Amino acid sequence: MELIPLPLALGLLLTLGGLVGLGFGIYALIWGGRGQRGGLGPIPERGIHAIAGLRMLVGGAVALVLGIIALSSYFST
């Protein structure tokens, strides 16, 4: 018994995850590390958030593209 087709479920999950990743990445780049002290060795807290924000932005974009591909493959058949 199949409730929802796999490409549709995977496409929706990846698209939603990609949008969340993009949102958190943009948030980390804009607001992350402001007014916080500390860091990781010579890297200040703002730099750590910038690196994390870029990683989330790239990961979110990749997940969004893969989700769109999965959804388009489902709807094209």
Protein backbone atom coordinates (compact mmCIF):
# COMPACT_ATOMS: atom_id res chain seq x y z
CA MET A 1 0.00 0.00 0.00
CA GLU A 2 1.60 3.21 -1.17
CA LEU A 3 0.24 6.35 0.43
CA ILE A 4 2.27 8.92 -1.48
CA PRO A 5 4.60 8.30 -4.42
CA LEU A 6 8.29 8.37 -3.51
CA PRO A 7 9.36 11.09 -6.00
CA LEU A 8 6.60 13.38 -4.76
CA ALA A 9 7.47 12.83 -1.09
CA LEU A 10 11.19 13.21 -1.74
CA GLY A 11 10.66 16.32 -3.84
CA LEU A 12 8.49 17.98 -1.21
CA LEU A 13 10.89 17.09 1.59
CA LEU A 14 13.95 18.34 -0.29
CA THR A 15 12.20 21.53 -1.39
CA LEU A 16 11.04 22.32 2.12
CA GLY A 17 14.47 21.49 3.56
CA GLY A 18 16.12 23.65 0.93
CA LEU A 19 13.95 26.64 1.74
CA VAL A 20 14.65 26.21 5.46
CA GLY A 21 18.38 25.91 4.78
CA LEU A 22 18.36 29.05 2.65
CA GLY A 23 16.46 30.93 5.34
CA PHE A 24 18.83 29.90 8.13
CA GLY A 25 21.84 30.61 5.93
CA ILE A 26 20.67 34.13 5.17
CA TYR A 27 19.85 34.70 8.84
CA ALA A 28 23.31 33.50 9.93
CA LEU A 29 25.01 35.73 7.38
CA ILE A 30 23.03 38.83 8.36
CA TRP A 31 22.62 38.54 12.13
CA GLY A 32 24.86 35.73 13.33
CA GLY A 33 27.54 36.58 15.86
CA ARG A 34 26.59 40.21 16.42
CA GLY A 35 27.26 41.35 19.92
CA GLN A 36 28.73 38.02 20.97
CA ARG A 37 32.17 37.52 22.41
CA GLY A 38 34.39 34.55 21.96
CA GLY A 39 35.36 32.53 18.99
CA LEU A 40 37.28 29.49 17.94
CA GLY A 41 40.98 30.17 18.26
CA PRO A 42 41.91 33.08 16.01
CA ILE A 43 38.50 33.07 14.26
CA PRO A 44 36.06 35.58 15.78
CA GLU A 45 32.44 34.63 16.50
CA ARG A 46 31.19 36.64 13.51
CA GLY A 47 33.55 34.72 11.21
CA ILE A 48 32.27 31.38 12.49
CA HIS A 49 28.70 32.45 11.75
CA ALA A 50 29.72 33.64 8.29
CA ILE A 51 31.27 30.26 7.48
CA ALA A 52 28.24 28.41 8.86
CA GLY A 53 25.89 30.72 6.96
CA LEU A 54 27.66 30.04 3.67
CA ARG A 55 27.53 26.29 4.29
CA MET A 56 23.81 26.42 5.03
CA LEU A 57 23.21 28.63 2.00
CA VAL A 58 25.00 26.20 -0.32
CA GLY A 59 23.38 23.15 1.26
CA GLY A 60 19.95 24.75 1.06
CA ALA A 61 20.43 25.67 -2.58
CA VAL A 62 21.53 22.14 -3.47
CA ALA A 63 18.56 20.61 -1.62
CA LEU A 64 16.18 23.06 -3.31
CA VAL A 65 17.50 22.22 -6.77
CA LEU A 66 17.30 18.47 -6.09
CA GLY A 67 13.76 18.89 -4.76
CA ILE A 68 12.68 20.80 -7.84
CA ILE A 69 14.22 18.11 -10.05
CA ALA A 70 12.38 15.37 -8.13
CA LEU A 71 9.08 17.25 -8.33
CA SER A 72 9.49 17.96 -12.03
CA SER A 73 10.26 14.30 -12.71
CA TYR A 74 7.12 13.31 -10.82
CA PHE A 75 4.83 15.78 -12.58
CA SER A 76 6.28 15.15 -16.05
CA THR A 77 5.17 11.51 -16.04
